[in-house]
């Protein structure tokens, strides 16, 4: 874990190892917006807060269907 400006950040490889998934899974999470990250030179760092938010329950969103009429 890296510390930048007083905040903790993980690299893609560190998170992949920690979550026991491939690094490509973590990259997909970053590109889809599921994980927030910053890029410093050629390295991508994921915020610790973003990592922790993966485990927070998401509010249930009710699907609304269009009514023809």
PDB file of N, CA and C in Angstrom:
ATOM      1  N   UNK A   1       0.848  -1.165   0.000  1.00  0.00           N
ATOM      2  CA  UNK A   1       0.000   0.000   0.000  1.00  0.00           C
ATOM      3  C   UNK A   1       0.894   1.229   0.000  1.00  0.00           C
ATOM      4  N   UNK A   2       0.541   2.170  -0.855  1.00  0.00           N
ATOM      5  CA  UNK A   2       1.277   3.429  -0.961  1.00  0.00           C
ATOM      6  C   UNK A   2       0.518   4.514  -0.203  1.00  0.00           C
ATOM      7  N   UNK A   3       1.258   5.501   0.266  1.00  0.00           N
ATOM      8  CA  UNK A   3       0.613   6.639   0.902  1.00  0.00           C
ATOM      9  C   UNK A   3       0.980   7.883   0.110  1.00  0.00           C
ATOM     10  N   UNK A   4      -0.050   8.566  -0.404  1.00  0.00           N
ATOM     11  CA  UNK A   4       0.134   9.769  -1.203  1.00  0.00           C
ATOM     12  C   UNK A   4      -0.724  10.859  -0.585  1.00  0.00           C
ATOM     13  N   UNK A   5      -0.092  11.966  -0.243  1.00  0.00           N
ATOM     14  CA  UNK A   5      -0.779  13.096   0.369  1.00  0.00           C
ATOM     15  C   UNK A   5      -1.639  12.678   1.562  1.00  0.00           C
ATOM     16  N   UNK A   6      -1.126  11.780   2.367  1.00  0.00           N
ATOM     17  CA  UNK A   6      -1.811  11.365   3.585  1.00  0.00           C
ATOM     18  C   UNK A   6      -2.931  10.357   3.390  1.00  0.00           C
ATOM     19  N   UNK A   7      -3.159   9.897   2.161  1.00  0.00           N
ATOM     20  CA  UNK A   7      -4.199   8.908   1.900  1.00  0.00           C
ATOM     21  C   UNK A   7      -3.544   7.602   1.466  1.00  0.00           C
ATOM     22  N   UNK A   8      -4.211   6.494   1.771  1.00  0.00           N
ATOM     23  CA  UNK A   8      -3.689   5.184   1.394  1.00  0.00           C
ATOM     24  C   UNK A   8      -4.228   4.757   0.040  1.00  0.00           C
ATOM     25  N   UNK A   9      -3.345   4.196  -0.773  1.00  0.00           N
ATOM     26  CA  UNK A   9      -3.696   3.729  -2.110  1.00  0.00           C
ATOM     27  C   UNK A   9      -3.131   2.342  -2.340  1.00  0.00           C
ATOM     28  N   UNK A  10      -3.863   1.540  -3.130  1.00  0.00           N
ATOM     29  CA  UNK A  10      -3.407   0.223  -3.539  1.00  0.00           C
ATOM     30  C   UNK A  10      -3.082   0.252  -5.023  1.00  0.00           C
ATOM     31  N   UNK A  11      -2.127  -0.568  -5.423  1.00  0.00           N
ATOM     32  CA  UNK A  11      -1.887  -0.760  -6.847  1.00  0.00           C
ATOM     33  C   UNK A  11      -2.863  -1.819  -7.347  1.00  0.00           C
ATOM     34  N   UNK A  12      -2.985  -1.934  -8.647  1.00  0.00           N
ATOM     35  CA  UNK A  12      -3.870  -2.937  -9.236  1.00  0.00           C
ATOM     36  C   UNK A  12      -3.433  -4.334  -8.814  1.00  0.00           C
ATOM     37  N   UNK A  13      -2.135  -4.593  -8.838  1.00  0.00           N
ATOM     38  CA  UNK A  13      -1.640  -5.922  -8.466  1.00  0.00           C
ATOM     39  C   UNK A  13      -1.904  -6.238  -6.996  1.00  0.00           C
ATOM     40  N   UNK A  14      -1.747  -5.250  -6.121  1.00  0.00           N
ATOM     41  CA  UNK A  14      -2.001  -5.472  -4.690  1.00  0.00           C
ATOM     42  C   UNK A  14      -3.462  -5.839  -4.440  1.00  0.00           C
ATOM     43  N   UNK A  15      -4.370  -5.109  -5.092  1.00  0.00           N
ATOM     44  CA  UNK A  15      -5.793  -5.417  -4.893  1.00  0.00           C
ATOM     45  C   UNK A  15      -6.161  -6.767  -5.489  1.00  0.00           C
ATOM     46  N   UNK A  16      -5.617  -7.082  -6.651  1.00  0.00           N
ATOM     47  CA  UNK A  16      -5.910  -8.369  -7.275  1.00  0.00           C
ATOM     48  C   UNK A  16      -5.475  -9.512  -6.362  1.00  0.00           C
ATOM     49  N   UNK A  17      -4.305  -9.382  -5.784  1.00  0.00           N
ATOM     50  CA  UNK A  17      -3.802 -10.406  -4.864  1.00  0.00           C
ATOM     51  C   UNK A  17      -4.660 -10.476  -3.597  1.00  0.00           C
ATOM     52  N   UNK A  18      -5.019  -9.322  -3.084  1.00  0.00           N
ATOM     53  CA  UNK A  18      -5.810  -9.257  -1.851  1.00  0.00           C
ATOM     54  C   UNK A  18      -7.214  -9.851  -2.035  1.00  0.00           C
ATOM     55  N   UNK A  19      -7.825  -9.597  -3.203  1.00  0.00           N
ATOM     56  CA  UNK A  19      -9.177 -10.078  -3.473  1.00  0.00           C
ATOM     57  C   UNK A  19      -9.206 -11.447  -4.160  1.00  0.00           C
ATOM     58  N   UNK A  20      -8.018 -11.940  -4.501  1.00  0.00           N
ATOM     59  CA  UNK A  20      -7.880 -13.232  -5.184  1.00  0.00           C
ATOM     60  C   UNK A  20      -8.646 -13.260  -6.508  1.00  0.00           C
ATOM     61  N   UNK A  21      -8.432 -12.189  -7.287  1.00  0.00           N
ATOM     62  CA  UNK A  21      -8.978 -12.088  -8.639  1.00  0.00           C
ATOM     63  C   UNK A  21      -7.836 -11.691  -9.561  1.00  0.00           C
ATOM     64  N   UNK A  22      -8.083 -11.690 -10.853  1.00  0.00           N
ATOM     65  CA  UNK A  22      -7.034 -11.300 -11.791  1.00  0.00           C
ATOM     66  C   UNK A  22      -6.883  -9.782 -11.805  1.00  0.00           C
ATOM     67  N   UNK A  23      -5.732  -9.338 -12.263  1.00  0.00           N
ATOM     68  CA  UNK A  23      -5.492  -7.899 -12.358  1.00  0.00           C
ATOM     69  C   UNK A  23      -6.429  -7.280 -13.386  1.00  0.00           C
ATOM     70  N   UNK A  24      -6.872  -8.072 -14.376  1.00  0.00           N
ATOM     71  CA  UNK A  24      -7.792  -7.579 -15.391  1.00  0.00           C
ATOM     72  C   UNK A  24      -9.174  -7.304 -14.805  1.00  0.00           C
ATOM     73  N   UNK A  25      -9.563  -8.064 -13.785  1.00  0.00           N
ATOM     74  CA  UNK A  25     -10.821  -7.806 -13.094  1.00  0.00           C
ATOM     75  C   UNK A  25     -10.760  -6.446 -12.411  1.00  0.00           C
ATOM     76  N   UNK A  26      -9.650  -6.157 -11.750  1.00  0.00           N
ATOM     77  CA  UNK A  26      -9.486  -4.866 -11.083  1.00  0.00           C
ATOM     78  C   UNK A  26      -9.483  -3.747 -12.115  1.00  0.00           C
ATOM     79  N   UNK A  27      -8.821  -3.964 -13.233  1.00  0.00           N
ATOM     80  CA  UNK A  27      -8.813  -2.955 -14.297  1.00  0.00           C
ATOM     81  C   UNK A  27     -10.225  -2.700 -14.811  1.00  0.00           C
ATOM     82  N   UNK A  28     -11.025  -3.732 -14.969  1.00  0.00           N
ATOM     83  CA  UNK A  28     -12.422  -3.561 -15.403  1.00  0.00           C
ATOM     84  C   UNK A  28     -13.208  -2.751 -14.384  1.00  0.00           C
ATOM     85  N   UNK A  29     -12.986  -3.030 -13.091  1.00  0.00           N
ATOM     86  CA  UNK A  29     -13.660  -2.271 -12.037  1.00  0.00           C
ATOM     87  C   UNK A  29     -13.291  -0.791 -12.119  1.00  0.00           C
ATOM     88  N   UNK A  30     -12.034  -0.504 -12.398  1.00  0.00           N
ATOM     89  CA  UNK A  30     -11.585   0.889 -12.497  1.00  0.00           C
ATOM     90  C   UNK A  30     -12.220   1.547 -13.724  1.00  0.00           C
ATOM     91  N   UNK A  31     -12.160   0.889 -14.874  1.00  0.00           N
ATOM     92  CA  UNK A  31     -12.676   1.485 -16.102  1.00  0.00           C
ATOM     93  C   UNK A  31     -14.196   1.624 -16.079  1.00  0.00           C
ATOM     94  N   UNK A  32     -14.881   0.759 -15.346  1.00  0.00           N
ATOM     95  CA  UNK A  32     -16.341   0.846 -15.264  1.00  0.00           C
ATOM     96  C   UNK A  32     -16.794   1.855 -14.212  1.00  0.00           C
ATOM     97  N   UNK A  33     -15.867   2.318 -13.374  1.00  0.00           N
ATOM     98  CA  UNK A  33     -16.204   3.281 -12.338  1.00  0.00           C
ATOM     99  C   UNK A  33     -16.546   2.647 -11.000  1.00  0.00           C
ATOM    100  N   UNK A  34     -16.497   1.337 -10.927  1.00  0.00           N
ATOM    101  CA  UNK A  34     -16.787   0.654  -9.663  1.00  0.00           C
ATOM    102  C   UNK A  34     -15.724   0.943  -8.607  1.00  0.00           C
ATOM    103  N   UNK A  35     -14.486   1.159  -9.050  1.00  0.00           N
ATOM    104  CA  UNK A  35     -13.384   1.563  -8.172  1.00  0.00           C
ATOM    105  C   UNK A  35     -12.847   2.894  -8.659  1.00  0.00           C
ATOM    106  N   UNK A  36     -12.606   3.816  -7.727  1.00  0.00           N
ATOM    107  CA  UNK A  36     -12.015   5.098  -8.081  1.00  0.00           C
ATOM    108  C   UNK A  36     -10.499   4.971  -8.011  1.00  0.00           C
ATOM    109  N   UNK A  37      -9.845   5.553  -8.992  1.00  0.00           N
ATOM    110  CA  UNK A  37      -8.386   5.439  -9.061  1.00  0.00           C
ATOM    111  C   UNK A  37      -7.783   6.739  -9.571  1.00  0.00           C
ATOM    112  N   UNK A  38      -6.494   6.877  -9.331  1.00  0.00           N
ATOM    113  CA  UNK A  38      -5.735   7.977  -9.907  1.00  0.00           C
ATOM    114  C   UNK A  38      -4.551   7.377 -10.656  1.00  0.00           C
ATOM    115  N   UNK A  39      -4.082   8.094 -11.645  1.00  0.00           N
ATOM    116  CA  UNK A  39      -2.934   7.636 -12.406  1.00  0.00           C
ATOM    117  C   UNK A  39      -1.789   8.605 -12.167  1.00  0.00           C
ATOM    118  N   UNK A  40      -0.669   8.073 -11.700  1.00  0.00           N
ATOM    119  CA  UNK A  40       0.532   8.858 -11.473  1.00  0.00           C
ATOM    120  C   UNK A  40       1.612   8.268 -12.367  1.00  0.00           C
ATOM    121  N   UNK A  41       2.005   9.064 -13.345  1.00  0.00           N
ATOM    122  CA  UNK A  41       2.910   8.587 -14.393  1.00  0.00           C
ATOM    123  C   UNK A  41       2.302   7.352 -15.034  1.00  0.00           C
ATOM    124  N   UNK A  42       2.926   6.204 -14.888  1.00  0.00           N
ATOM    125  CA  UNK A  42       2.392   4.992 -15.514  1.00  0.00           C
ATOM    126  C   UNK A  42       1.701   4.070 -14.518  1.00  0.00           C
ATOM    127  N   UNK A  43       1.599   4.472 -13.272  1.00  0.00           N
ATOM    128  CA  UNK A  43       0.997   3.623 -12.237  1.00  0.00           C
ATOM    129  C   UNK A  43      -0.429   4.063 -11.943  1.00  0.00           C
ATOM    130  N   UNK A  44      -1.295   3.073 -11.717  1.00  0.00           N
ATOM    131  CA  UNK A  44      -2.682   3.338 -11.341  1.00  0.00           C
ATOM    132  C   UNK A  44      -2.832   2.964  -9.872  1.00  0.00           C
ATOM    133  N   UNK A  45      -3.378   3.894  -9.095  1.00  0.00           N
ATOM    134  CA  UNK A  45      -3.583   3.675  -7.666  1.00  0.00           C
ATOM    135  C   UNK A  45      -5.065   3.778  -7.344  1.00  0.00           C
ATOM    136  N   UNK A  46      -5.553   2.813  -6.572  1.00  0.00           N
ATOM    137  CA  UNK A  46      -6.955   2.770  -6.157  1.00  0.00           C
ATOM    138  C   UNK A  46      -7.026   3.239  -4.712  1.00  0.00           C
ATOM    139  N   UNK A  47      -7.948   4.140  -4.435  1.00  0.00           N
ATOM    140  CA  UNK A  47      -8.070   4.669  -3.083  1.00  0.00           C
ATOM    141  C   UNK A  47      -8.550   3.590  -2.118  1.00  0.00           C
ATOM    142  N   UNK A  48      -8.098   3.704  -0.882  1.00  0.00           N
ATOM    143  CA  UNK A  48      -8.524   2.759   0.145  1.00  0.00           C
ATOM    144  C   UNK A  48     -10.033   2.878   0.378  1.00  0.00           C
ATOM    145  N   UNK A  49     -10.562   4.102   0.320  1.00  0.00           N
ATOM    146  CA  UNK A  49     -11.998   4.306   0.490  1.00  0.00           C
ATOM    147  C   UNK A  49     -12.790   3.583  -0.597  1.00  0.00           C
ATOM    148  N   UNK A  50     -12.291   3.639  -1.822  1.00  0.00           N
ATOM    149  CA  UNK A  50     -12.955   2.973  -2.929  1.00  0.00           C
ATOM    150  C   UNK A  50     -12.934   1.456  -2.733  1.00  0.00           C
ATOM    151  N   UNK A  51     -11.799   0.941  -2.285  1.00  0.00           N
ATOM    152  CA  UNK A  51     -11.685  -0.491  -1.999  1.00  0.00           C
ATOM    153  C   UNK A  51     -12.687  -0.891  -0.919  1.00  0.00           C
ATOM    154  N   UNK A  52     -12.776  -0.108   0.148  1.00  0.00           N
ATOM    155  CA  UNK A  52     -13.707  -0.417   1.237  1.00  0.00           C
ATOM    156  C   UNK A  52     -15.158  -0.335   0.787  1.00  0.00           C
ATOM    157  N   UNK A  53     -15.448   0.534  -0.175  1.00  0.00           N
ATOM    158  CA  UNK A  53     -16.835   0.687  -0.634  1.00  0.00           C
ATOM    159  C   UNK A  53     -17.328  -0.543  -1.401  1.00  0.00           C
ATOM    160  N   UNK A  54     -16.410  -1.376  -1.864  1.00  0.00           N
ATOM    161  CA  UNK A  54     -16.828  -2.611  -2.548  1.00  0.00           C
ATOM    162  C   UNK A  54     -17.636  -3.507  -1.620  1.00  0.00           C
ATOM    163  N   UNK A  55     -17.409  -3.386  -0.321  1.00  0.00           N
ATOM    164  CA  UNK A  55     -18.037  -4.287   0.642  1.00  0.00           C
ATOM    165  C   UNK A  55     -19.228  -3.665   1.366  1.00  0.00           C
ATOM    166  N   UNK A  56     -19.544  -2.418   1.035  1.00  0.00           N
ATOM    167  CA  UNK A  56     -20.702  -1.770   1.638  1.00  0.00           C
ATOM    168  C   UNK A  56     -21.961  -2.197   0.890  1.00  0.00           C
ATOM    169  N   UNK A  57     -23.055  -2.405   1.625  1.00  0.00           N
ATOM    170  CA  UNK A  57     -24.293  -2.786   0.934  1.00  0.00           C
ATOM    171  C   UNK A  57     -24.792  -1.640   0.056  1.00  0.00           C
ATOM    172  N   UNK A  58     -25.245  -1.983  -1.116  1.00  0.00           N
ATOM    173  CA  UNK A  58     -25.778  -0.995  -2.043  1.00  0.00           C
ATOM    174  C   UNK A  58     -27.287  -0.895  -1.837  1.00  0.00           C
ATOM    175  N   UNK A  59     -27.838   0.311  -1.933  1.00  0.00           N
ATOM    176  CA  UNK A  59     -29.285   0.432  -1.791  1.00  0.00           C
ATOM    177  C   UNK A  59     -29.991  -0.271  -2.946  1.00  0.00           C
ATOM    178  N   UNK A  60     -31.081  -0.897  -2.631  1.00  0.00           N
ATOM    179  CA  UNK A  60     -31.836  -1.611  -3.659  1.00  0.00           C
ATOM    180  C   UNK A  60     -32.560  -0.606  -4.535  1.00  0.00           C
ATOM    181  N   UNK A  61     -32.384  -0.720  -5.816  1.00  0.00           N
ATOM    182  CA  UNK A  61     -33.033   0.169  -6.743  1.00  0.00           C
ATOM    183  C   UNK A  61     -34.161  -0.595  -7.416  1.00  0.00           C
ATOM    184  N   UNK A  62     -35.349  -0.046  -7.297  1.00  0.00           N
ATOM    185  CA  UNK A  62     -36.511  -0.688  -7.883  1.00  0.00           C
ATOM    186  C   UNK A  62     -36.594  -0.339  -9.355  1.00  0.00           C
ATOM    187  N   UNK A  63     -36.826  -1.328 -10.152  1.00  0.00           N
ATOM    188  CA  UNK A  63     -36.904  -1.125 -11.593  1.00  0.00           C
ATOM    189  C   UNK A  63     -38.271  -0.536 -11.941  1.00  0.00           C
ATOM    190  N   UNK A  64     -38.258   0.517 -12.732  1.00  0.00           N
ATOM    191  CA  UNK A  64     -39.494   1.166 -13.159  1.00  0.00           C
ATOM    192  C   UNK A  64     -39.717   0.828 -14.625  1.00  0.00           C
ATOM    193  N   UNK A  65     -40.897   0.307 -14.910  1.00  0.00           N
ATOM    194  CA  UNK A  65     -41.216  -0.059 -16.293  1.00  0.00           C
ATOM    195  C   UNK A  65     -42.011   1.059 -16.941  1.00  0.00           C
ATOM    196  N   UNK A  66     -41.786   1.231 -18.236  1.00  0.00           N
ATOM    197  CA  UNK A  66     -42.515   2.234 -18.986  1.00  0.00           C
ATOM    198  C   UNK A  66     -43.948   1.777 -19.194  1.00  0.00           C
ATOM    199  N   UNK A  67     -44.857   2.722 -19.086  1.00  0.00           N
ATOM    200  CA  UNK A  67     -46.273   2.415 -19.301  1.00  0.00           C
ATOM    201  C   UNK A  67     -46.659   2.981 -20.656  1.00  0.00           C
ATOM    202  N   UNK A  68     -47.213   2.115 -21.484  1.00  0.00           N
ATOM    203  CA  UNK A  68     -47.670   2.569 -22.789  1.00  0.00           C
ATOM    204  C   UNK A  68     -49.016   3.247 -22.624  1.00  0.00           C
ATOM    205  N   UNK A  69     -49.163   4.328 -23.293  1.00  0.00           N
ATOM    206  CA  UNK A  69     -50.482   4.931 -23.151  1.00  0.00           C
ATOM    207  C   UNK A  69     -50.564   6.227 -23.712  1.00  0.00           C
TER     208      UNK A  69
END
